[in-house]
Amino acid sequence: MVQYKNAMQQQPLLDVVFYRTSGGNEPVREWLLAMDKGTRTVIGQDIKTAQY
């Protein structure tokens, strides 16, 4: 029998953090948030694939 684990139940292989400037800005996060929801969803899925 094959059992599949949900990716969210696994420990991530990589930690994902946004770059933060010395002034506290997160330019990559701001860039992502400026995109439409569909694009953000696709990018988020790609990040999750790399993370797990």
PDB file of N, CA and C in Angstrom:
ATOM      1  N   MET A   1       0.837  -1.170   0.000  1.00  0.00           N
ATOM      2  CA  MET A   1       0.000   0.000   0.000  1.00  0.00           C
ATOM      3  C   MET A   1       0.887   1.241   0.000  1.00  0.00           C
ATOM      4  N   VAL A   2       0.554   2.223  -0.829  1.00  0.00           N
ATOM      5  CA  VAL A   2       1.310   3.462  -0.917  1.00  0.00           C
ATOM      6  C   VAL A   2       0.573   4.539  -0.148  1.00  0.00           C
ATOM      7  N   GLN A   3       1.276   5.236   0.713  1.00  0.00           N
ATOM      8  CA  GLN A   3       0.672   6.338   1.456  1.00  0.00           C
ATOM      9  C   GLN A   3       1.331   7.631   1.030  1.00  0.00           C
ATOM     10  N   TYR A   4       0.523   8.624   0.792  1.00  0.00           N
ATOM     11  CA  TYR A   4       1.025   9.935   0.402  1.00  0.00           C
ATOM     12  C   TYR A   4       0.833  10.905   1.547  1.00  0.00           C
ATOM     13  N   LYS A   5       1.860  11.676   1.823  1.00  0.00           N
ATOM     14  CA  LYS A   5       1.760  12.710   2.837  1.00  0.00           C
ATOM     15  C   LYS A   5       1.474  14.039   2.162  1.00  0.00           C
ATOM     16  N   ASN A   6       0.628  14.801   2.765  1.00  0.00           N
ATOM     17  CA  ASN A   6       0.378  16.159   2.307  1.00  0.00           C
ATOM     18  C   ASN A   6       1.668  16.952   2.501  1.00  0.00           C
ATOM     19  N   ALA A   7       2.031  17.774   1.523  1.00  0.00           N
ATOM     20  CA  ALA A   7       3.274  18.558   1.601  1.00  0.00           C
ATOM     21  C   ALA A   7       3.308  19.424   2.850  1.00  0.00           C
ATOM     22  N   MET A   8       2.165  19.876   3.320  1.00  0.00           N
ATOM     23  CA  MET A   8       2.133  20.739   4.496  1.00  0.00           C
ATOM     24  C   MET A   8       2.443  19.961   5.779  1.00  0.00           C
ATOM     25  N   GLN A   9       2.353  18.640   5.756  1.00  0.00           N
ATOM     26  CA  GLN A   9       2.652  17.830   6.927  1.00  0.00           C
ATOM     27  C   GLN A   9       4.134  17.489   7.010  1.00  0.00           C
ATOM     28  N   GLN A  10       4.856  17.678   5.930  1.00  0.00           N
ATOM     29  CA  GLN A  10       6.281  17.382   5.899  1.00  0.00           C
ATOM     30  C   GLN A  10       7.069  18.578   6.417  1.00  0.00           C
ATOM     31  N   GLN A  11       8.265  18.309   6.901  1.00  0.00           N
ATOM     32  CA  GLN A  11       9.165  19.393   7.280  1.00  0.00           C
ATOM     33  C   GLN A  11       9.753  19.984   6.006  1.00  0.00           C
ATOM     34  N   PRO A  12       9.776  21.305   5.876  1.00  0.00           N
ATOM     35  CA  PRO A  12      10.339  21.896   4.659  1.00  0.00           C
ATOM     36  C   PRO A  12      11.833  21.609   4.540  1.00  0.00           C
ATOM     37  N   LEU A  13      12.272  21.409   3.289  1.00  0.00           N
ATOM     38  CA  LEU A  13      13.695  21.217   3.032  1.00  0.00           C
ATOM     39  C   LEU A  13      14.437  22.552   3.082  1.00  0.00           C
ATOM     40  N   LEU A  14      13.740  23.602   2.714  1.00  0.00           N
ATOM     41  CA  LEU A  14      14.307  24.949   2.702  1.00  0.00           C
ATOM     42  C   LEU A  14      13.395  25.907   3.446  1.00  0.00           C
ATOM     43  N   ASP A  15      13.972  26.839   4.171  1.00  0.00           N
ATOM     44  CA  ASP A  15      13.188  27.912   4.766  1.00  0.00           C
ATOM     45  C   ASP A  15      13.078  29.027   3.743  1.00  0.00           C
ATOM     46  N   VAL A  16      11.899  29.579   3.612  1.00  0.00           N
ATOM     47  CA  VAL A  16      11.675  30.667   2.669  1.00  0.00           C
ATOM     48  C   VAL A  16      11.498  31.958   3.460  1.00  0.00           C
ATOM     49  N   VAL A  17      12.354  32.924   3.181  1.00  0.00           N
ATOM     50  CA  VAL A  17      12.257  34.237   3.815  1.00  0.00           C
ATOM     51  C   VAL A  17      12.435  35.303   2.741  1.00  0.00           C
ATOM     52  N   PHE A  18      11.820  36.441   2.944  1.00  0.00           N
ATOM     53  CA  PHE A  18      11.976  37.549   2.023  1.00  0.00           C
ATOM     54  C   PHE A  18      13.165  38.410   2.441  1.00  0.00           C
ATOM     55  N   TYR A  19      13.912  38.863   1.448  1.00  0.00           N
ATOM     56  CA  TYR A  19      15.016  39.784   1.700  1.00  0.00           C
ATOM     57  C   TYR A  19      14.453  41.046   2.342  1.00  0.00           C
ATOM     58  N   ARG A  20      15.138  41.549   3.361  1.00  0.00           N
ATOM     59  CA  ARG A  20      14.721  42.772   4.048  1.00  0.00           C
ATOM     60  C   ARG A  20      15.884  43.755   4.061  1.00  0.00           C
ATOM     61  N   THR A  21      15.615  44.979   3.628  1.00  0.00           N
ATOM     62  CA  THR A  21      16.647  46.013   3.619  1.00  0.00           C
ATOM     63  C   THR A  21      16.902  46.490   5.050  1.00  0.00           C
ATOM     64  N   SER A  22      17.959  47.258   5.229  1.00  0.00           N
ATOM     65  CA  SER A  22      18.266  47.791   6.564  1.00  0.00           C
ATOM     66  C   SER A  22      17.164  48.729   7.046  1.00  0.00           C
ATOM     67  N   GLY A  23      16.393  49.286   6.110  1.00  0.00           N
ATOM     68  CA  GLY A  23      15.270  50.148   6.471  1.00  0.00           C
ATOM     69  C   GLY A  23      13.993  49.383   6.781  1.00  0.00           C
ATOM     70  N   GLY A  24      14.037  48.058   6.642  1.00  0.00           N
ATOM     71  CA  GLY A  24      12.888  47.231   6.972  1.00  0.00           C
ATOM     72  C   GLY A  24      11.972  46.917   5.797  1.00  0.00           C
ATOM     73  N   ASN A  25      12.279  47.429   4.616  1.00  0.00           N
ATOM     74  CA  ASN A  25      11.454  47.139   3.442  1.00  0.00           C
ATOM     75  C   ASN A  25      11.719  45.724   2.934  1.00  0.00           C
ATOM     76  N   GLU A  26      10.710  45.110   2.350  1.00  0.00           N
ATOM     77  CA  GLU A  26      10.833  43.797   1.730  1.00  0.00           C
ATOM     78  C   GLU A  26      10.451  43.938   0.252  1.00  0.00           C
ATOM     79  N   PRO A  27      11.411  44.343  -0.586  1.00  0.00           N
ATOM     80  CA  PRO A  27      11.076  44.664  -1.980  1.00  0.00           C
ATOM     81  C   PRO A  27      10.513  43.503  -2.788  1.00  0.00           C
ATOM     82  N   VAL A  28      10.971  42.286  -2.551  1.00  0.00           N
ATOM     83  CA  VAL A  28      10.447  41.144  -3.305  1.00  0.00           C
ATOM     84  C   VAL A  28       9.007  40.873  -2.888  1.00  0.00           C
ATOM     85  N   ARG A  29       8.734  40.939  -1.596  1.00  0.00           N
ATOM     86  CA  ARG A  29       7.363  40.736  -1.096  1.00  0.00           C
ATOM     87  C   ARG A  29       6.443  41.814  -1.651  1.00  0.00           C
ATOM     88  N   GLU A  30       6.899  43.048  -1.649  1.00  0.00           N
ATOM     89  CA  GLU A  30       6.101  44.152  -2.201  1.00  0.00           C
ATOM     90  C   GLU A  30       5.840  43.945  -3.688  1.00  0.00           C
ATOM     91  N   TRP A  31       6.840  43.469  -4.427  1.00  0.00           N
ATOM     92  CA  TRP A  31       6.703  43.191  -5.851  1.00  0.00           C
ATOM     93  C   TRP A  31       5.654  42.102  -6.075  1.00  0.00           C
ATOM     94  N   LEU A  32       5.711  41.043  -5.265  1.00  0.00           N
ATOM     95  CA  LEU A  32       4.733  39.963  -5.390  1.00  0.00           C
ATOM     96  C   LEU A  32       3.322  40.453  -5.085  1.00  0.00           C
ATOM     97  N   LEU A  33       3.176  41.246  -4.038  1.00  0.00           N
ATOM     98  CA  LEU A  33       1.859  41.735  -3.646  1.00  0.00           C
ATOM     99  C   LEU A  33       1.258  42.678  -4.683  1.00  0.00           C
ATOM    100  N   ALA A  34       2.085  43.276  -5.523  1.00  0.00           N
ATOM    101  CA  ALA A  34       1.595  44.167  -6.572  1.00  0.00           C
ATOM    102  C   ALA A  34       1.025  43.380  -7.758  1.00  0.00           C
ATOM    103  N   MET A  35       1.283  42.078  -7.803  1.00  0.00           N
ATOM    104  CA  MET A  35       0.798  41.238  -8.907  1.00  0.00           C
ATOM    105  C   MET A  35      -0.641  40.813  -8.649  1.00  0.00           C
ATOM    106  N   ASP A  36      -1.306  40.354  -9.723  1.00  0.00           N
ATOM    107  CA  ASP A  36      -2.669  39.863  -9.562  1.00  0.00           C
ATOM    108  C   ASP A  36      -2.650  38.525  -8.818  1.00  0.00           C
ATOM    109  N   LYS A  37      -3.789  38.183  -8.243  1.00  0.00           N
ATOM    110  CA  LYS A  37      -3.892  36.985  -7.399  1.00  0.00           C
ATOM    111  C   LYS A  37      -3.488  35.708  -8.130  1.00  0.00           C
ATOM    112  N   GLY A  38      -3.862  35.567  -9.390  1.00  0.00           N
ATOM    113  CA  GLY A  38      -3.519  34.363 -10.149  1.00  0.00           C
ATOM    114  C   GLY A  38      -2.022  34.182 -10.294  1.00  0.00           C
ATOM    115  N   THR A  39      -1.332  35.262 -10.596  1.00  0.00           N
ATOM    116  CA  THR A  39       0.130  35.213 -10.739  1.00  0.00           C
ATOM    117  C   THR A  39       0.779  34.888  -9.400  1.00  0.00           C
ATOM    118  N   ARG A  40       0.298  35.526  -8.324  1.00  0.00           N
ATOM    119  CA  ARG A  40       0.850  35.242  -6.986  1.00  0.00           C
ATOM    120  C   ARG A  40       0.648  33.781  -6.612  1.00  0.00           C
ATOM    121  N   THR A  41      -0.498  33.227  -6.983  1.00  0.00           N
ATOM    122  CA  THR A  41      -0.781  31.819  -6.670  1.00  0.00           C
ATOM    123  C   THR A  41       0.205  30.905  -7.382  1.00  0.00           C
ATOM    124  N   VAL A  42       0.455  31.159  -8.656  1.00  0.00           N
ATOM    125  CA  VAL A  42       1.401  30.339  -9.421  1.00  0.00           C
ATOM    126  C   VAL A  42       2.801  30.440  -8.825  1.00  0.00           C
ATOM    127  N   ILE A  43       3.235  31.642  -8.513  1.00  0.00           N
ATOM    128  CA  ILE A  43       4.566  31.825  -7.923  1.00  0.00           C
ATOM    129  C   ILE A  43       4.635  31.149  -6.557  1.00  0.00           C
ATOM    130  N   GLY A  44       3.578  31.278  -5.763  1.00  0.00           N
ATOM    131  CA  GLY A  44       3.538  30.628  -4.455  1.00  0.00           C
ATOM    132  C   GLY A  44       3.637  29.114  -4.562  1.00  0.00           C
ATOM    133  N   GLN A  45       2.975  28.538  -5.559  1.00  0.00           N
ATOM    134  CA  GLN A  45       3.058  27.090  -5.769  1.00  0.00           C
ATOM    135  C   GLN A  45       4.476  26.686  -6.169  1.00  0.00           C
ATOM    136  N   ASP A  46       5.128  27.512  -6.986  1.00  0.00           N
ATOM    137  CA  ASP A  46       6.513  27.225  -7.382  1.00  0.00           C
ATOM    138  C   ASP A  46       7.452  27.298  -6.172  1.00  0.00           C
ATOM    139  N   ILE A  47       7.242  28.281  -5.331  1.00  0.00           N
ATOM    140  CA  ILE A  47       8.066  28.405  -4.107  1.00  0.00           C
ATOM    141  C   ILE A  47       7.846  27.187  -3.214  1.00  0.00           C
ATOM    142  N   LYS A  48       6.603  26.775  -3.069  1.00  0.00           N
ATOM    143  CA  LYS A  48       6.297  25.607  -2.231  1.00  0.00           C
ATOM    144  C   LYS A  48       6.943  24.344  -2.804  1.00  0.00           C
ATOM    145  N   THR A  49       6.955  24.209  -4.130  1.00  0.00           N
ATOM    146  CA  THR A  49       7.592  23.052  -4.755  1.00  0.00           C
ATOM    147  C   THR A  49       9.080  23.022  -4.412  1.00  0.00           C
ATOM    148  N   ALA A  50       9.730  24.168  -4.487  1.00  0.00           N
ATOM    149  CA  ALA A  50      11.170  24.237  -4.171  1.00  0.00           C
ATOM    150  C   ALA A  50      11.402  24.003  -2.681  1.00  0.00           C
ATOM    151  N   GLN A  51      10.492  24.493  -1.851  1.00  0.00           N
ATOM    152  CA  GLN A  51      10.649  24.393  -0.402  1.00  0.00           C
ATOM    153  C   GLN A  51      10.506  22.947   0.081  1.00  0.00           C
ATOM    154  N   TYR A  52       9.606  22.200  -0.504  1.00  0.00           N
ATOM    155  CA  TYR A  52       9.344  20.827  -0.065  1.00  0.00           C
ATOM    156  C   TYR A  52       9.902  19.837  -1.033  1.00  0.00           C
TER     157      TYR A  52
END
